[in-house]
């Protein structure tokens, strides 16, 4: 079973809020001898964009809930922020990614008759400054 709600709300011309999620609950069974317990996996994404005339502020938050097996689950949170200042032909952007400095992400998936768990090693927290000039 899978459910995917999405909401985009713009309460003013300065603010936009975007929320979407994917909720998956499922297992696998073949005959009476192969029965994999159902797992709940949830992905939630929230984006907030605020525009203050020459400055854009963008905040992105992600939440992952993954059942590893019947008795264990993990919750992982990620956050990124970006500030962009524009004046004339100049644009200055400052980004910060993986603000919570997560090192690893795990999840479990099912195929027809088996389950497998994956581990992903993530890049550490990063800061990036960009300067752009338009001719």
C-alpha atoms as a PDB file:
ATOM      1  CA  UNK A   1       0.000   0.000   0.000  1.00  0.00           C
ATOM      2  CA  UNK A   2       1.379   3.420  -0.912  1.00  0.00           C
ATOM      3  CA  UNK A   3       0.051   6.912  -0.187  1.00  0.00           C
ATOM      4  CA  UNK A   4       1.612  10.129  -1.580  1.00  0.00           C
ATOM      5  CA  UNK A   5       0.127  13.411  -0.319  1.00  0.00           C
ATOM      6  CA  UNK A   6       1.525  16.744  -1.533  1.00  0.00           C
ATOM      7  CA  UNK A   7       0.651  20.278  -0.447  1.00  0.00           C
ATOM      8  CA  UNK A   8       1.943  23.540  -1.903  1.00  0.00           C
ATOM      9  CA  UNK A   9       0.862  26.578   0.097  1.00  0.00           C
ATOM     10  CA  UNK A  10       1.636  30.170  -0.836  1.00  0.00           C
ATOM     11  CA  UNK A  11       0.142  32.372   1.895  1.00  0.00           C
ATOM     12  CA  UNK A  12       1.729  35.493   0.383  1.00  0.00           C
ATOM     13  CA  UNK A  13       3.859  36.409  -2.616  1.00  0.00           C
ATOM     14  CA  UNK A  14       6.891  36.325  -0.292  1.00  0.00           C
ATOM     15  CA  UNK A  15       6.445  32.839   1.170  1.00  0.00           C
ATOM     16  CA  UNK A  16       6.018  29.372  -0.337  1.00  0.00           C
ATOM     17  CA  UNK A  17       5.765  26.146   1.662  1.00  0.00           C
ATOM     18  CA  UNK A  18       5.954  22.780  -0.091  1.00  0.00           C
ATOM     19  CA  UNK A  19       5.268  19.498   1.716  1.00  0.00           C
ATOM     20  CA  UNK A  20       5.232  16.035   0.193  1.00  0.00           C
ATOM     21  CA  UNK A  21       5.476  12.546   1.554  1.00  0.00           C
ATOM     22  CA  UNK A  22       5.473   8.955   0.469  1.00  0.00           C
ATOM     23  CA  UNK A  23       4.123   6.408   2.919  1.00  0.00           C
ATOM     24  CA  UNK A  24       4.701   2.784   2.003  1.00  0.00           C
ATOM     25  CA  UNK A  25       3.515  -0.232   3.968  1.00  0.00           C
ATOM     26  CA  UNK A  26       4.039  -3.646   2.504  1.00  0.00           C
ATOM     27  CA  UNK A  27       5.342  -7.143   2.890  1.00  0.00           C
ATOM     28  CA  UNK A  28       5.646 -10.279   0.841  1.00  0.00           C
ATOM     29  CA  UNK A  29       4.196 -13.761   1.019  1.00  0.00           C
ATOM     30  CA  UNK A  30       4.529 -16.761  -1.267  1.00  0.00           C
ATOM     31  CA  UNK A  31       2.657 -19.845  -0.200  1.00  0.00           C
ATOM     32  CA  UNK A  32       2.618 -20.763   3.471  1.00  0.00           C
ATOM     33  CA  UNK A  33       6.380 -20.932   4.053  1.00  0.00           C
ATOM     34  CA  UNK A  34       7.683 -17.590   2.744  1.00  0.00           C
ATOM     35  CA  UNK A  35       6.288 -14.691   4.745  1.00  0.00           C
ATOM     36  CA  UNK A  36       8.199 -11.421   5.173  1.00  0.00           C
ATOM     37  CA  UNK A  37       6.815  -9.143   7.895  1.00  0.00           C
ATOM     38  CA  UNK A  38       5.324  -5.888   6.605  1.00  0.00           C
ATOM     39  CA  UNK A  39       7.591  -2.825   6.742  1.00  0.00           C
ATOM     40  CA  UNK A  40       6.625   0.820   7.096  1.00  0.00           C
ATOM     41  CA  UNK A  41       8.737   3.318   5.148  1.00  0.00           C
ATOM     42  CA  UNK A  42       7.984   7.045   5.202  1.00  0.00           C
ATOM     43  CA  UNK A  43       9.683   9.879   3.342  1.00  0.00           C
ATOM     44  CA  UNK A  44       8.667  13.435   4.231  1.00  0.00           C
ATOM     45  CA  UNK A  45      10.037  16.535   2.516  1.00  0.00           C
ATOM     46  CA  UNK A  46       9.412  20.115   3.559  1.00  0.00           C
ATOM     47  CA  UNK A  47      10.626  23.126   1.608  1.00  0.00           C
ATOM     48  CA  UNK A  48      10.254  26.720   2.762  1.00  0.00           C
ATOM     49  CA  UNK A  49      11.165  29.595   0.462  1.00  0.00           C
ATOM     50  CA  UNK A  50      11.027  33.163   1.743  1.00  0.00           C
ATOM     51  CA  UNK A  51      11.740  36.148  -0.477  1.00  0.00           C
ATOM     52  CA  UNK A  52      12.843  39.439   1.106  1.00  0.00           C
ATOM     53  CA  UNK A  53      13.194  41.692  -1.968  1.00  0.00           C
ATOM     54  CA  UNK A  54      16.905  41.132  -2.776  1.00  0.00           C
ATOM     55  CA  UNK A  55      17.355  38.032  -0.547  1.00  0.00           C
ATOM     56  CA  UNK A  56      15.935  34.533  -0.994  1.00  0.00           C
ATOM     57  CA  UNK A  57      16.061  32.150   1.969  1.00  0.00           C
ATOM     58  CA  UNK A  58      15.493  28.454   1.235  1.00  0.00           C
ATOM     59  CA  UNK A  59      15.215  25.765   3.898  1.00  0.00           C
ATOM     60  CA  UNK A  60      14.773  22.099   3.034  1.00  0.00           C
ATOM     61  CA  UNK A  61      14.078  19.408   5.633  1.00  0.00           C
ATOM     62  CA  UNK A  62      13.787  15.671   4.914  1.00  0.00           C
ATOM     63  CA  UNK A  63      12.671  12.926   7.279  1.00  0.00           C
ATOM     64  CA  UNK A  64      13.081   9.222   6.521  1.00  0.00           C
ATOM     65  CA  UNK A  65      11.486   6.530   8.679  1.00  0.00           C
ATOM     66  CA  UNK A  66      12.481   3.018   7.666  1.00  0.00           C
ATOM     67  CA  UNK A  67      11.659  -0.282   9.286  1.00  0.00           C
ATOM     68  CA  UNK A  68      14.823  -2.376   9.118  1.00  0.00           C
ATOM     69  CA  UNK A  69      12.976  -5.463  10.290  1.00  0.00           C
ATOM     70  CA  UNK A  70       9.918  -6.304  12.369  1.00  0.00           C
ATOM     71  CA  UNK A  71      11.567  -5.135  15.613  1.00  0.00           C
ATOM     72  CA  UNK A  72      13.830  -2.259  14.558  1.00  0.00           C
ATOM     73  CA  UNK A  73      13.354   1.009  12.714  1.00  0.00           C
ATOM     74  CA  UNK A  74      15.488   4.075  12.087  1.00  0.00           C
ATOM     75  CA  UNK A  75      14.609   7.730  11.688  1.00  0.00           C
ATOM     76  CA  UNK A  76      16.927  10.018   9.777  1.00  0.00           C
ATOM     77  CA  UNK A  77      16.693  13.785   9.362  1.00  0.00           C
ATOM     78  CA  UNK A  78      18.470  15.934   6.788  1.00  0.00           C
ATOM     79  CA  UNK A  79      18.482  19.727   6.450  1.00  0.00           C
ATOM     80  CA  UNK A  80      19.891  22.164   3.899  1.00  0.00           C
ATOM     81  CA  UNK A  81      19.737  25.949   3.832  1.00  0.00           C
ATOM     82  CA  UNK A  82      20.527  28.456   1.122  1.00  0.00           C
ATOM     83  CA  UNK A  83      20.743  32.260   1.144  1.00  0.00           C
ATOM     84  CA  UNK A  84      20.871  34.175  -2.128  1.00  0.00           C
ATOM     85  CA  UNK A  85      21.432  37.936  -2.377  1.00  0.00           C
ATOM     86  CA  UNK A  86      20.927  39.730  -5.708  1.00  0.00           C
ATOM     87  CA  UNK A  87      21.860  43.293  -6.548  1.00  0.00           C
ATOM     88  CA  UNK A  88      22.220  44.669 -10.052  1.00  0.00           C
ATOM     89  CA  UNK A  89      24.315  42.205 -12.057  1.00  0.00           C
ATOM     90  CA  UNK A  90      25.761  40.507  -8.958  1.00  0.00           C
ATOM     91  CA  UNK A  91      24.477  37.439  -7.163  1.00  0.00           C
ATOM     92  CA  UNK A  92      25.979  35.990  -3.970  1.00  0.00           C
ATOM     93  CA  UNK A  93      24.812  32.575  -2.749  1.00  0.00           C
ATOM     94  CA  UNK A  94      25.726  30.757   0.465  1.00  0.00           C
ATOM     95  CA  UNK A  95      24.680  27.096   0.867  1.00  0.00           C
ATOM     96  CA  UNK A  96      24.965  24.720   3.795  1.00  0.00           C
ATOM     97  CA  UNK A  97      24.114  21.061   3.194  1.00  0.00           C
ATOM     98  CA  UNK A  98      23.720  18.097   5.540  1.00  0.00           C
ATOM     99  CA  UNK A  99      23.387  20.463   8.515  1.00  0.00           C
ATOM    100  CA  UNK A 100      22.925  17.590  10.993  1.00  0.00           C
ATOM    101  CA  UNK A 101      26.119  15.994   9.607  1.00  0.00           C
ATOM    102  CA  UNK A 102      24.613  12.515   9.117  1.00  0.00           C
ATOM    103  CA  UNK A 103      27.259   9.923   8.273  1.00  0.00           C
ATOM    104  CA  UNK A 104      25.162   6.948   7.167  1.00  0.00           C
ATOM    105  CA  UNK A 105      21.672   6.130   5.919  1.00  0.00           C
ATOM    106  CA  UNK A 106      20.083   2.640   6.021  1.00  0.00           C
ATOM    107  CA  UNK A 107      16.941   1.236   4.509  1.00  0.00           C
ATOM    108  CA  UNK A 108      15.355  -2.145   3.861  1.00  0.00           C
ATOM    109  CA  UNK A 109      13.436  -3.169   0.750  1.00  0.00           C
ATOM    110  CA  UNK A 110      11.588  -6.272  -0.349  1.00  0.00           C
ATOM    111  CA  UNK A 111      11.662  -8.182  -3.570  1.00  0.00           C
ATOM    112  CA  UNK A 112       9.217 -11.018  -4.165  1.00  0.00           C
ATOM    113  CA  UNK A 113      10.899 -13.563  -1.873  1.00  0.00           C
ATOM    114  CA  UNK A 114      13.640 -11.739   0.014  1.00  0.00           C
ATOM    115  CA  UNK A 115      14.515  -8.607   1.886  1.00  0.00           C
ATOM    116  CA  UNK A 116      17.751  -6.654   1.666  1.00  0.00           C
ATOM    117  CA  UNK A 117      19.154  -3.820   3.742  1.00  0.00           C
ATOM    118  CA  UNK A 118      21.401  -1.170   2.227  1.00  0.00           C
ATOM    119  CA  UNK A 119      23.812   1.238   3.911  1.00  0.00           C
ATOM    120  CA  UNK A 120      24.798   4.483   2.217  1.00  0.00           C
ATOM    121  CA  UNK A 121      27.768   6.530   3.413  1.00  0.00           C
ATOM    122  CA  UNK A 122      27.033  10.258   3.103  1.00  0.00           C
ATOM    123  CA  UNK A 123      29.240  13.256   2.473  1.00  0.00           C
ATOM    124  CA  UNK A 124      29.843  15.346   5.606  1.00  0.00           C
ATOM    125  CA  UNK A 125      28.372  18.779   6.220  1.00  0.00           C
ATOM    126  CA  UNK A 126      29.386  21.228   3.482  1.00  0.00           C
ATOM    127  CA  UNK A 127      29.421  24.990   3.073  1.00  0.00           C
ATOM    128  CA  UNK A 128      29.626  26.603  -0.342  1.00  0.00           C
ATOM    129  CA  UNK A 129      29.776  30.277  -1.365  1.00  0.00           C
ATOM    130  CA  UNK A 130      29.193  31.289  -4.985  1.00  0.00           C
ATOM    131  CA  UNK A 131      29.578  34.666  -6.636  1.00  0.00           C
ATOM    132  CA  UNK A 132      27.996  35.311 -10.033  1.00  0.00           C
ATOM    133  CA  UNK A 133      28.234  38.338 -12.294  1.00  0.00           C
ATOM    134  CA  UNK A 134      26.032  38.727 -15.376  1.00  0.00           C
ATOM    135  CA  UNK A 135      27.502  40.620 -18.351  1.00  0.00           C
END
